[in-house]
C-alpha cells in the first residue's frame, strides 16, 4: 500500500512513522511529504531511506492513503486534491472535524460510521480522543446528562517550540517563547486562542467533538483546558452526571472491558494514571473512579493518555487499519 505522511518531519509526523512500523501497517511504498525546505531530505523507515517530496508531487503519485499532520490550512487546501485522485485522507488537524459532511472517528467508539465514500476522514482533538474512549461505553450504559472536564495538558500538544521553551527554562537558558508566560513551575489556563465567549478553542473542541463522535447531543459539556509543564501526556479530571444510577464495580468492569482502555485504580497501593507512565503507550488509562458525593448519579474519574500517540498518530493509523480490515480501503498495489 502506498502511504503518504504529510508533515513527516514534524513532531506528530515522526510518531506516525514510528507507529506505522511498530504496528506493521502494510506499507509497500512510503511517501514522506513536507514543506519545500525539507524536499530531498532522506527519512529512515523500516531499514530504508525515503526522499521527502512536496505536496504537488505526492498528489501526482496517487497514494492509497494520506495521513495528514501539517496544520489546518494545509489540510483545507490539499486534502481535497488528494481525494480527487482517489486517495483516502485521514487528517489530524481541526480543519474538517466539525464539517457535517466529514466523519470524526475514534475507531473503537464509532468506526462503524465509515464507508467507501469517505475520502476525507477527520481525526479528533487529542483531548477528545482519550475522553470519548472512557465516556463512550459509560454513556451507552447509563446515559450522560452533563460532563465537566478540566484538562492538564502537556507542552508537546503545542509543538516543538513549546517543548523547547520548557527545556530552556529548566536549563536556565533564554530562548524563544511559545507561550505568553513561563511554563516551568507554572500552569497556564490558556490552550489555543481565546474566543468571543471567553473559552479557548481547545475547550470548545472538547464541548463539540464528543457529541459528534457519540452521535448524540442530548448531554451538555463544559471544559477548562490548562497547559502544565509535562513533556508528554495529557490528563483530564472528568465529572459525569448520568440519567441512571451506577455501581462502581460495574463501571470499572465496563471500562476494563473496553478495547484500548486500561483501568489503574487502586489508591491503597498508590496506583492511578500518570502521564509519566502513559508515555509511548497507545492505551487510555482511567483511575480515581469514585462517586461525586455532592449530587446523585454522578461519577468522578481521571483519564490519562499519550497525546502524540493515541491522541494523534496512533488513532490516525487505527482509522487506516479499520478501513483495511473492513475492505473499505483496498490495497491497490498488491491487488
Protein backbone atom coordinates (compact mmCIF):
# COMPACT_ATOMS: atom_id res chain seq x y z
CA UNK A 1 0.00 0.00 0.00
CA UNK A 2 1.34 3.42 -0.95
CA UNK A 3 1.19 5.59 2.17
CA UNK A 4 1.84 9.33 2.23
CA UNK A 5 2.66 11.00 5.54
CA UNK A 6 2.03 14.73 5.16
CA UNK A 7 4.05 16.64 7.73
CA UNK A 8 6.51 13.74 8.03
CA UNK A 9 9.30 15.87 9.51
CA UNK A 10 7.11 17.31 12.29
CA UNK A 11 6.57 16.06 15.83
CA UNK A 12 3.40 14.06 15.08
CA UNK A 13 4.70 13.01 11.66
CA UNK A 14 7.73 11.40 13.28
CA UNK A 15 5.49 9.48 15.66
CA UNK A 16 3.28 8.40 12.73
CA UNK A 17 6.32 6.81 11.05
CA UNK A 18 7.23 5.09 14.31
CA UNK A 19 3.69 3.75 14.84
CA UNK A 20 3.32 2.59 11.20
CA UNK A 21 6.45 0.49 11.65
CA UNK A 22 5.51 -0.83 15.11
CA UNK A 23 2.04 -1.91 14.00
CA UNK A 24 3.29 -3.47 10.73
CA UNK A 25 0.92 -1.44 8.61
CA UNK A 26 1.17 -2.80 5.02
CA UNK A 27 3.39 -0.05 3.60
CA UNK A 28 4.90 -1.06 0.26
CA UNK A 29 5.93 2.49 -0.58
CA UNK A 30 6.29 5.36 1.87
CA UNK A 31 5.81 8.89 0.56
CA UNK A 32 7.10 11.36 3.16
CA UNK A 33 5.73 14.83 2.46
CA UNK A 34 6.87 18.12 3.97
CA UNK A 35 7.41 21.80 3.14
CA UNK A 36 9.69 22.91 0.32
CA UNK A 37 12.63 23.47 2.67
CA UNK A 38 12.64 19.75 3.56
CA UNK A 39 12.27 18.42 0.00
CA UNK A 40 15.05 15.95 -0.82
CA UNK A 41 15.81 15.19 2.81
CA UNK A 42 16.11 11.45 3.47
CA UNK A 43 13.92 9.92 6.20
CA UNK A 44 14.63 6.41 7.53
CA UNK A 45 11.73 3.96 7.72
CA UNK A 46 11.91 0.22 8.35
CA UNK A 47 15.52 -0.11 7.27
CA UNK A 48 15.17 2.01 4.11
CA UNK A 49 15.52 5.70 3.36
CA UNK A 50 12.83 7.67 1.56
CA UNK A 51 13.22 11.09 -0.01
CA UNK A 52 10.87 13.85 1.16
CA UNK A 53 8.66 15.27 -1.61
CA UNK A 54 6.37 18.29 -1.79
CA UNK A 55 2.58 18.15 -1.78
CA UNK A 56 2.12 18.51 -5.54
CA UNK A 57 4.48 15.59 -6.23
CA UNK A 58 2.71 13.46 -3.61
CA UNK A 59 -0.68 14.08 -5.27
CA UNK A 60 0.78 13.02 -8.63
CA UNK A 61 1.96 9.76 -7.01
CA UNK A 62 -1.67 8.91 -6.11
CA UNK A 63 -1.09 7.20 -2.76
CA UNK A 64 -3.73 4.81 -1.42
CA UNK A 65 -3.90 6.71 1.85
CA UNK A 66 -2.51 10.04 3.06
CA UNK A 67 -2.04 10.66 6.77
CA UNK A 68 -2.09 14.42 7.34
CA UNK A 69 -0.47 16.27 10.23
CA UNK A 70 0.57 19.57 8.70
CA UNK A 71 -1.91 22.12 10.07
CA UNK A 72 -5.42 23.17 9.18
CA UNK A 73 -4.63 25.49 6.26
CA UNK A 74 -2.60 22.80 4.50
CA UNK A 75 -5.39 20.28 5.07
CA UNK A 76 -8.10 22.58 3.72
CA UNK A 77 -6.12 23.27 0.55
CA UNK A 78 -4.59 19.86 -0.15
CA UNK A 79 -6.84 17.14 1.28
CA UNK A 80 -9.45 17.67 -1.49
CA UNK A 81 -6.68 17.44 -4.12
CA UNK A 82 -5.60 14.05 -2.77
CA UNK A 83 -9.23 12.92 -2.56
CA UNK A 84 -9.78 13.90 -6.22
CA UNK A 85 -7.13 11.39 -7.37
CA UNK A 86 -8.66 8.60 -5.27
CA UNK A 87 -6.54 8.88 -2.13
CA UNK A 88 -8.23 8.41 1.24
CA UNK A 89 -7.11 11.23 3.54
CA UNK A 90 -7.06 10.87 7.33
CA UNK A 91 -6.50 14.34 8.73
CA UNK A 92 -5.13 15.15 12.16
CA UNK A 93 -5.87 18.91 12.06
CA UNK A 94 -9.06 20.64 13.19
CA UNK A 95 -9.92 21.61 9.59
CA UNK A 96 -12.62 19.02 8.88
CA UNK A 97 -13.71 17.87 12.34
CA UNK A 98 -16.98 19.75 12.60
CA UNK A 99 -17.76 19.68 8.86
CA UNK A 100 -21.15 17.89 8.71
CA UNK A 101 -20.09 16.10 5.52
CA UNK A 102 -16.98 14.54 7.14
CA UNK A 103 -16.74 11.72 9.69
CA UNK A 104 -14.96 12.32 13.01
CA UNK A 105 -13.65 8.97 14.17
CA UNK A 106 -12.25 7.08 17.15
CA UNK A 107 -12.30 3.53 15.72
CA UNK A 108 -13.12 1.71 18.99
CA UNK A 109 -16.10 4.02 19.57
CA UNK A 110 -17.60 4.88 16.17
CA UNK A 111 -15.58 3.18 13.43
CA UNK A 112 -18.84 1.77 12.10
CA UNK A 113 -19.72 5.17 10.56
CA UNK A 114 -17.02 4.77 7.88
CA UNK A 115 -17.88 3.91 4.27
CA UNK A 116 -16.10 3.69 0.91
CA UNK A 117 -17.46 7.16 0.11
CA UNK A 118 -15.42 8.77 2.93
CA UNK A 119 -12.35 10.18 1.18
CA UNK A 120 -11.53 12.77 3.86
CA UNK A 121 -11.79 11.49 7.44
CA UNK A 122 -11.13 13.67 10.48
CA UNK A 123 -9.05 12.61 13.48
CA UNK A 124 -10.40 14.21 16.69
CA UNK A 125 -8.56 16.53 19.04
CA UNK A 126 -6.09 14.71 21.31
CA UNK A 127 -8.01 15.53 24.49
CA UNK A 128 -11.29 14.48 22.90
CA UNK A 129 -9.98 11.05 21.87
CA UNK A 130 -8.99 9.94 25.37
CA UNK A 131 -12.18 11.46 26.78
CA UNK A 132 -14.60 9.59 24.49
CA UNK A 133 -12.69 6.33 24.95
CA UNK A 134 -13.91 6.41 28.55
CA UNK A 135 -17.22 8.24 28.07
CA UNK A 136 -18.49 6.18 25.13
CA UNK A 137 -19.12 2.84 26.88
CA UNK A 138 -20.44 4.55 30.04
CA UNK A 139 -22.84 6.71 28.05
CA UNK A 140 -24.21 3.60 26.37
CA UNK A 141 -24.87 2.00 29.76
CA UNK A 142 -26.03 4.93 31.93
CA UNK A 143 -26.85 7.90 29.59
CA UNK A 144 -24.92 11.07 30.32
CA UNK A 145 -26.70 14.31 31.25
CA UNK A 146 -23.76 16.63 31.92
CA UNK A 147 -19.97 16.40 31.75
CA UNK A 148 -17.50 18.80 33.39
CA UNK A 149 -13.88 18.46 32.22
CA UNK A 150 -10.65 20.03 33.46
CA UNK A 151 -7.56 19.13 31.43
CA UNK A 152 -3.89 19.17 32.39
CA UNK A 153 -2.14 19.16 29.03
CA UNK A 154 1.48 18.56 28.07
CA UNK A 155 3.54 21.19 26.27
CA UNK A 156 4.04 18.66 23.45
CA UNK A 157 0.44 19.39 22.49
CA UNK A 158 1.57 22.85 21.40
CA UNK A 159 4.54 21.59 19.41
CA UNK A 160 8.34 21.58 19.21
CA UNK A 161 8.64 25.28 20.08
CA UNK A 162 6.81 24.75 23.39
CA UNK A 163 8.89 21.70 24.31
CA UNK A 164 11.99 23.79 23.62
CA UNK A 165 10.66 26.60 25.85
CA UNK A 166 10.25 24.16 28.75
CA UNK A 167 13.71 22.65 28.13
CA UNK A 168 15.25 26.14 28.04
CA UNK A 169 13.56 27.17 31.27
CA UNK A 170 14.69 24.01 33.05
CA UNK A 171 18.25 24.61 31.80
CA UNK A 172 18.18 28.31 32.71
CA UNK A 173 18.63 29.32 29.07
CA UNK A 174 16.87 32.30 27.48
CA UNK A 175 15.13 31.42 24.23
CA UNK A 176 12.07 31.81 22.03
CA UNK A 177 8.75 31.69 23.91
CA UNK A 178 5.84 29.59 22.65
CA UNK A 179 3.62 30.90 25.45
CA UNK A 180 2.95 34.43 26.76
CA UNK A 181 4.28 33.36 30.20
CA UNK A 182 6.85 30.91 31.60
CA UNK A 183 5.58 27.31 31.64
CA UNK A 184 8.13 25.77 34.05
CA UNK A 185 6.78 25.57 37.61
CA UNK A 186 3.57 27.07 36.29
CA UNK A 187 0.10 26.23 34.95
CA UNK A 188 -1.46 28.22 32.09
CA UNK A 189 -5.26 28.18 31.77
CA UNK A 190 -4.71 29.00 28.12
CA UNK A 191 -4.71 26.20 25.50
CA UNK A 192 -5.05 27.59 21.97
CA UNK A 193 -6.63 31.00 21.31
CA UNK A 194 -9.41 32.70 23.28
CA UNK A 195 -12.78 33.01 21.57
CA UNK A 196 -15.56 35.59 21.88
CA UNK A 197 -17.33 33.58 24.61
CA UNK A 198 -14.26 33.61 26.88
CA UNK A 199 -13.45 29.94 26.27
CA UNK A 200 -10.40 28.79 24.36
CA UNK A 201 -10.60 26.99 21.04
CA UNK A 202 -9.32 23.82 22.80
CA UNK A 203 -12.13 24.00 25.35
CA UNK A 204 -14.78 24.34 22.66
CA UNK A 205 -13.35 21.32 20.81
CA UNK A 206 -13.99 19.33 24.00
CA UNK A 207 -17.54 20.68 24.11
CA UNK A 208 -18.45 19.93 20.48
CA UNK A 209 -16.44 16.93 19.28
CA UNK A 210 -17.69 14.25 21.75
CA UNK A 211 -21.30 14.90 20.69
CA UNK A 212 -20.44 14.31 17.04
CA UNK A 213 -18.44 11.16 17.78
CA UNK A 214 -21.12 9.70 20.06
CA UNK A 215 -23.86 10.81 17.62
CA UNK A 216 -25.81 12.38 20.45
CA UNK A 217 -26.25 16.00 21.51
CA UNK A 218 -28.67 15.31 24.36
CA UNK A 219 -25.98 15.82 27.04
CA UNK A 220 -24.17 19.04 27.93
CA UNK A 221 -20.42 19.56 28.33
CA UNK A 222 -18.26 22.34 29.75
CA UNK A 223 -14.46 22.42 29.88
CA UNK A 224 -11.42 24.23 31.22
CA UNK A 225 -8.12 23.40 29.50
CA UNK A 226 -4.81 24.01 31.28
CA UNK A 227 -1.24 23.68 30.00
CA UNK A 228 1.21 22.21 32.52
CA UNK A 229 5.00 21.64 32.40
CA UNK A 230 4.98 17.95 31.47
CA UNK A 231 6.92 16.85 28.39
CA UNK A 232 4.26 14.41 27.18
CA UNK A 233 0.83 13.05 28.04
CA UNK A 234 -2.49 14.76 28.72
CA UNK A 235 -4.53 14.28 31.91
CA UNK A 236 -8.21 15.01 32.50
CA UNK A 237 -10.37 15.33 35.58
CA UNK A 238 -13.88 14.37 34.48
CA UNK A 239 -17.18 14.71 36.33
CA UNK A 240 -20.15 12.94 34.74
CA UNK A 241 -23.78 13.19 35.77
CA UNK A 242 -25.83 10.27 34.41
CA UNK A 243 -29.55 9.86 33.96
CA UNK A 244 -29.33 6.44 35.62
CA UNK A 245 -27.56 5.32 38.76
CA UNK A 246 -24.47 3.14 38.55
CA UNK A 247 -22.48 0.63 40.53
CA UNK A 248 -18.76 1.47 40.86
CA UNK A 249 -17.68 -2.14 40.39
CA UNK A 250 -19.74 -2.30 37.19
CA UNK A 251 -18.22 0.99 35.96
CA UNK A 252 -14.71 -0.45 36.43
CA UNK A 253 -15.80 -3.65 34.69
CA UNK A 254 -17.21 -1.74 31.69
CA UNK A 255 -14.07 0.37 31.33
CA UNK A 256 -11.72 -2.60 31.77
CA UNK A 257 -13.66 -4.44 29.06
CA UNK A 258 -13.32 -1.56 26.57
CA UNK A 259 -10.70 -2.15 23.87
CA UNK A 260 -7.83 0.30 24.31
CA UNK A 261 -8.69 1.27 27.91
CA UNK A 262 -6.68 0.19 30.97
CA UNK A 263 -8.09 0.74 34.46
CA UNK A 264 -5.48 1.76 37.06
CA UNK A 265 -7.50 2.30 40.19
CA UNK A 266 -6.04 1.06 43.46
CA UNK A 267 -5.47 4.07 45.70
CA UNK A 268 -4.39 1.88 48.65
CA UNK A 269 -1.32 0.95 46.60
CA UNK A 270 -0.98 4.46 45.07
CA UNK A 271 -1.98 3.11 41.67
CA UNK A 272 -3.58 5.69 39.38
CA UNK A 273 -2.86 7.01 35.88
CA UNK A 274 0.04 9.42 35.39
CA UNK A 275 1.46 10.88 32.18
CA UNK A 276 4.96 9.63 33.00
CA UNK A 277 3.65 6.03 32.82
CA UNK A 278 1.48 6.63 29.74
CA UNK A 279 4.50 7.79 27.72
CA UNK A 280 4.95 5.90 24.43
CA UNK A 281 1.85 3.79 25.06
CA UNK A 282 -1.26 3.58 22.89
CA UNK A 283 -3.82 2.88 25.61
CA UNK A 284 -6.04 5.27 27.56
CA UNK A 285 -5.61 4.91 31.32
CA UNK A 286 -8.50 5.54 33.72
CA UNK A 287 -8.44 5.74 37.52
CA UNK A 288 -9.59 7.66 40.63
CA UNK A 289 -13.05 6.25 39.87
CA UNK A 290 -15.41 7.40 42.61
CA UNK A 291 -18.84 8.81 43.30
CA UNK A 292 -19.41 12.54 43.41
CA UNK A 293 -21.00 12.69 46.86
CA UNK A 294 -22.42 16.17 46.25
CA UNK A 295 -25.17 15.00 43.87
CA UNK A 296 -26.87 11.82 42.71
CA UNK A 297 -25.90 9.63 39.74
CA UNK A 298 -22.57 11.45 39.33
CA UNK A 299 -19.11 9.98 38.80
CA UNK A 300 -15.59 11.39 39.06
CA UNK A 301 -12.65 9.89 37.21
CA UNK A 302 -9.13 10.71 35.98
CA UNK A 303 -8.08 9.95 32.39
CA UNK A 304 -4.51 9.96 31.02
CA UNK A 305 -3.08 9.20 27.59
CA UNK A 306 -0.03 9.91 25.43
CA UNK A 307 -1.26 12.83 23.31
CA UNK A 308 1.17 12.21 20.44
CA UNK A 309 0.22 8.53 20.14
CA UNK A 310 -3.44 7.68 20.87
CA UNK A 311 -4.18 11.41 20.87
CA UNK A 312 -2.79 11.85 17.35
CA UNK A 313 -0.61 9.38 15.41
CA UNK A 314 -1.96 6.06 16.67
CA UNK A 315 -5.63 6.97 16.29
CA UNK A 316 -4.94 8.17 12.74
CA UNK A 317 -3.30 4.85 11.85
CA UNK A 318 -6.01 2.86 13.65
CA UNK A 319 -8.54 4.54 11.34
CA UNK A 320 -6.47 3.35 8.35
CA UNK A 321 -6.28 -0.15 9.86
CA UNK A 322 -10.06 -0.18 10.31
CA UNK A 323 -10.51 0.80 6.66
CA UNK A 324 -8.23 -2.03 5.51
CA UNK A 325 -9.71 -4.65 7.85
CA UNK A 326 -13.24 -3.86 6.70
CA UNK A 327 -12.30 -3.72 2.99
CA UNK A 328 -13.20 -0.03 2.81
CA UNK A 329 -9.66 0.84 1.76
CA UNK A 330 -8.42 -1.63 -0.83
CA UNK A 331 -4.75 -2.42 -1.26
CA UNK A 332 -4.48 -1.43 -4.92
CA UNK A 333 -0.73 -2.10 -5.16
CA UNK A 334 -0.97 -5.76 -4.18
CA UNK A 335 -4.41 -6.46 -5.64
